[in-house]
Amino acid sequence: MKLKKVACLGLAAMVALGALGCGSDNKAADNKAGSKVTGSVTGSGSSALLPLAKDAASKFKAINPDVSITLNGGGSGTRL
């Protein structure tokens, strides 16, 4: 019983510490006027997530037209 309490307390502490790392006031991710994103991204993996990935890619490409994005399904074994 004591081991169960210690394990639960440890798990709760890890979750709390993980949650602390999720927030940020850093605005560096904002695409400022004059900055340009270029390059290519290729992703392969889960067919179930492919529609979601394609939607995200089209929205990203609308903001960053100089980026080439290629997405392929093929199952989870190919790692998207």
N, C-alpha and C. Protein backbone atom coordinates (compact mmCIF):
# COMPACT_ATOMS: atom_id res chain seq x y z
N MET A 1 0.82 -1.20 0.00
CA MET A 1 0.00 0.00 0.00
C MET A 1 0.87 1.26 0.00
N LYS A 2 1.95 1.23 0.79
CA LYS A 2 2.83 2.40 0.86
C LYS A 2 3.52 2.62 -0.48
N LEU A 3 3.91 1.55 -1.16
CA LEU A 3 4.55 1.66 -2.47
C LEU A 3 3.60 2.29 -3.48
N LYS A 4 2.33 1.97 -3.39
CA LYS A 4 1.32 2.54 -4.29
C LYS A 4 1.21 4.05 -4.09
N LYS A 5 1.23 4.50 -2.83
CA LYS A 5 1.14 5.92 -2.54
C LYS A 5 2.38 6.66 -3.05
N VAL A 6 3.55 6.08 -2.87
CA VAL A 6 4.79 6.69 -3.32
C VAL A 6 4.80 6.77 -4.85
N ALA A 7 4.34 5.70 -5.51
CA ALA A 7 4.29 5.70 -6.96
C ALA A 7 3.32 6.76 -7.47
N CYS A 8 2.16 6.90 -6.86
CA CYS A 8 1.18 7.92 -7.26
C CYS A 8 1.73 9.32 -7.03
N LEU A 9 2.41 9.53 -5.92
CA LEU A 9 2.99 10.83 -5.63
C LEU A 9 4.09 11.17 -6.65
N GLY A 10 4.92 10.19 -6.98
CA GLY A 10 5.96 10.40 -7.97
C GLY A 10 5.39 10.71 -9.34
N LEU A 11 4.33 10.00 -9.73
CA LEU A 11 3.67 10.25 -11.01
C LEU A 11 3.06 11.64 -11.04
N ALA A 12 2.42 12.04 -9.95
CA ALA A 12 1.82 13.37 -9.88
C ALA A 12 2.89 14.46 -9.98
N ALA A 13 4.04 14.23 -9.35
CA ALA A 13 5.13 15.21 -9.42
C ALA A 13 5.67 15.32 -10.84
N MET A 14 5.80 14.18 -11.55
CA MET A 14 6.29 14.22 -12.92
C MET A 14 5.32 14.94 -13.84
N VAL A 15 4.02 14.71 -13.65
CA VAL A 15 3.01 15.39 -14.47
C VAL A 15 3.05 16.90 -14.21
N ALA A 16 3.17 17.28 -12.93
CA ALA A 16 3.21 18.70 -12.59
C ALA A 16 4.45 19.37 -13.18
N LEU A 17 5.59 18.73 -13.11
CA LEU A 17 6.81 19.30 -13.68
C LEU A 17 6.71 19.36 -15.21
N GLY A 18 6.11 18.37 -15.81
CA GLY A 18 5.92 18.39 -17.26
C GLY A 18 5.01 19.52 -17.69
N ALA A 19 3.98 19.78 -16.91
CA ALA A 19 3.05 20.86 -17.24
C ALA A 19 3.71 22.23 -17.11
N LEU A 20 4.66 22.37 -16.22
CA LEU A 20 5.36 23.64 -16.06
C LEU A 20 6.17 23.99 -17.30
N GLY A 21 6.63 23.00 -18.03
CA GLY A 21 7.42 23.25 -19.22
C GLY A 21 6.60 23.58 -20.45
N CYS A 22 5.28 23.56 -20.34
CA CYS A 22 4.42 23.78 -21.50
C CYS A 22 4.18 25.24 -21.84
N GLY A 23 4.31 26.14 -20.91
CA GLY A 23 4.02 27.55 -21.15
C GLY A 23 5.26 28.32 -21.58
N SER A 24 5.02 29.42 -22.32
CA SER A 24 6.14 30.26 -22.74
C SER A 24 5.64 31.64 -23.12
N ASP A 25 6.43 32.65 -22.79
CA ASP A 25 6.13 34.01 -23.22
C ASP A 25 6.97 34.38 -24.43
N ASN A 26 7.72 33.43 -24.96
CA ASN A 26 8.61 33.67 -26.09
C ASN A 26 7.80 33.91 -27.35
N LYS A 27 7.99 35.03 -27.98
CA LYS A 27 7.26 35.38 -29.19
C LYS A 27 8.09 35.11 -30.45
N ALA A 28 9.19 34.37 -30.32
CA ALA A 28 10.08 34.12 -31.46
C ALA A 28 9.40 33.31 -32.56
N ALA A 29 8.37 32.56 -32.23
CA ALA A 29 7.71 31.72 -33.24
C ALA A 29 6.83 32.54 -34.18
N ASP A 30 6.52 33.78 -33.82
CA ASP A 30 5.69 34.62 -34.69
C ASP A 30 6.46 34.94 -35.97
N ASN A 31 5.79 34.84 -37.11
CA ASN A 31 6.41 35.15 -38.38
C ASN A 31 6.34 36.66 -38.59
N LYS A 32 7.43 37.34 -38.30
CA LYS A 32 7.47 38.79 -38.39
C LYS A 32 7.60 39.24 -39.84
N ALA A 33 7.16 40.46 -40.11
CA ALA A 33 7.28 41.01 -41.47
C ALA A 33 8.74 41.03 -41.87
N GLY A 34 9.02 40.57 -43.06
CA GLY A 34 10.39 40.54 -43.54
C GLY A 34 11.07 39.20 -43.34
N SER A 35 10.60 38.40 -42.39
CA SER A 35 11.22 37.08 -42.21
C SER A 35 10.55 36.10 -43.17
N LYS A 36 11.31 35.15 -43.65
CA LYS A 36 10.82 34.25 -44.67
C LYS A 36 11.17 32.81 -44.29
N VAL A 37 10.18 31.94 -44.37
CA VAL A 37 10.39 30.53 -44.09
C VAL A 37 10.50 29.81 -45.43
N THR A 38 11.58 29.07 -45.62
CA THR A 38 11.79 28.31 -46.85
C THR A 38 12.26 26.91 -46.51
N GLY A 39 12.23 26.03 -47.49
CA GLY A 39 12.74 24.68 -47.29
C GLY A 39 11.70 23.64 -47.68
N SER A 40 11.94 22.42 -47.23
CA SER A 40 11.01 21.35 -47.54
C SER A 40 10.80 20.46 -46.33
N VAL A 41 9.61 19.88 -46.26
CA VAL A 41 9.23 18.98 -45.19
C VAL A 41 8.64 17.74 -45.84
N THR A 42 9.08 16.56 -45.42
CA THR A 42 8.53 15.31 -45.91
C THR A 42 8.09 14.50 -44.71
N GLY A 43 6.85 14.01 -44.75
CA GLY A 43 6.32 13.21 -43.66
C GLY A 43 5.64 11.97 -44.19
N SER A 44 5.86 10.84 -43.52
CA SER A 44 5.22 9.59 -43.87
C SER A 44 4.75 8.92 -42.60
N GLY A 45 3.62 8.25 -42.67
CA GLY A 45 3.18 7.53 -41.47
C GLY A 45 1.72 7.19 -41.48
N SER A 46 1.08 7.40 -40.38
CA SER A 46 -0.27 6.94 -40.11
C SER A 46 -1.27 7.45 -41.14
N SER A 47 -1.97 6.52 -41.77
CA SER A 47 -3.01 6.89 -42.73
C SER A 47 -4.18 7.56 -42.02
N ALA A 48 -4.41 7.18 -40.76
CA ALA A 48 -5.53 7.76 -40.02
C ALA A 48 -5.31 9.25 -39.77
N LEU A 49 -4.07 9.67 -39.58
CA LEU A 49 -3.77 11.07 -39.30
C LEU A 49 -3.46 11.88 -40.55
N LEU A 50 -3.41 11.23 -41.70
CA LEU A 50 -3.05 11.91 -42.94
C LEU A 50 -3.97 13.09 -43.27
N PRO A 51 -5.31 12.96 -43.15
CA PRO A 51 -6.16 14.13 -43.44
C PRO A 51 -5.86 15.32 -42.53
N LEU A 52 -5.60 15.06 -41.27
CA LEU A 52 -5.27 16.12 -40.32
C LEU A 52 -3.94 16.77 -40.69
N ALA A 53 -2.95 15.95 -41.03
CA ALA A 53 -1.64 16.48 -41.42
C ALA A 53 -1.74 17.29 -42.70
N LYS A 54 -2.55 16.84 -43.67
CA LYS A 54 -2.72 17.58 -44.92
C LYS A 54 -3.39 18.92 -44.68
N ASP A 55 -4.37 18.95 -43.79
CA ASP A 55 -5.05 20.22 -43.46
C ASP A 55 -4.07 21.19 -42.82
N ALA A 56 -3.28 20.70 -41.87
CA ALA A 56 -2.28 21.56 -41.21
C ALA A 56 -1.24 22.04 -42.22
N ALA A 57 -0.84 21.16 -43.13
CA ALA A 57 0.16 21.53 -44.14
C ALA A 57 -0.37 22.62 -45.07
N SER A 58 -1.63 22.50 -45.47
CA SER A 58 -2.18 23.52 -46.38
C SER A 58 -2.30 24.87 -45.69
N LYS A 59 -2.65 24.87 -44.41
CA LYS A 59 -2.72 26.14 -43.67
C LYS A 59 -1.34 26.74 -43.47
N PHE A 60 -0.35 25.91 -43.21
CA PHE A 60 1.02 26.39 -43.06
C PHE A 60 1.54 26.94 -44.38
N LYS A 61 1.24 26.22 -45.47
CA LYS A 61 1.71 26.64 -46.79
C LYS A 61 1.04 27.93 -47.24
N ALA A 62 -0.19 28.19 -46.81
CA ALA A 62 -0.86 29.44 -47.15
C ALA A 62 -0.12 30.64 -46.56
N ILE A 63 0.48 30.45 -45.41
CA ILE A 63 1.24 31.52 -44.75
C ILE A 63 2.69 31.55 -45.23
N ASN A 64 3.21 30.37 -45.60
CA ASN A 64 4.62 30.23 -46.01
C ASN A 64 4.68 29.55 -47.38
N PRO A 65 4.40 30.28 -48.46
CA PRO A 65 4.31 29.67 -49.79
C PRO A 65 5.63 29.12 -50.34
N ASP A 66 6.76 29.50 -49.76
CA ASP A 66 8.06 29.03 -50.26
C ASP A 66 8.49 27.71 -49.62
N VAL A 67 7.59 27.08 -48.87
CA VAL A 67 7.91 25.80 -48.24
C VAL A 67 7.25 24.69 -49.04
N SER A 68 8.01 23.64 -49.33
CA SER A 68 7.49 22.48 -50.03
C SER A 68 7.15 21.41 -48.99
N ILE A 69 5.92 20.91 -49.01
CA ILE A 69 5.49 19.91 -48.05
C ILE A 69 4.99 18.69 -48.79
N THR A 70 5.55 17.52 -48.47
CA THR A 70 5.14 16.25 -49.06
C THR A 70 4.71 15.32 -47.94
N LEU A 71 3.47 14.83 -48.00
CA LEU A 71 2.95 13.92 -46.98
C LEU A 71 2.50 12.63 -47.64
N ASN A 72 2.82 11.51 -47.01
CA ASN A 72 2.43 10.20 -47.51
C ASN A 72 1.86 9.36 -46.37
N GLY A 73 0.79 8.63 -46.63
CA GLY A 73 0.26 7.67 -45.67
C GLY A 73 1.10 6.42 -45.77
N GLY A 74 0.56 5.33 -45.31
CA GLY A 74 1.29 4.08 -45.45
C GLY A 74 1.35 3.28 -44.16
N GLY A 75 0.69 3.74 -43.16
CA GLY A 75 0.67 2.99 -41.91
C GLY A 75 1.61 3.55 -40.86
N SER A 76 1.34 3.21 -39.64
CA SER A 76 2.10 3.73 -38.51
C SER A 76 3.55 3.29 -38.51
N GLY A 77 3.84 2.19 -39.17
CA GLY A 77 5.22 1.69 -39.21
C GLY A 77 6.18 2.62 -39.93
N THR A 78 5.65 3.53 -40.76
CA THR A 78 6.53 4.45 -41.49
C THR A 78 6.80 5.73 -40.72
N ARG A 79 6.15 5.93 -39.59
CA ARG A 79 6.38 7.07 -38.68
C ARG A 79 6.18 8.44 -39.33
N LEU A 80 5.02 9.02 -39.11
CA LEU A 80 4.69 10.36 -39.63
C LEU A 80 5.38 11.40 -38.77
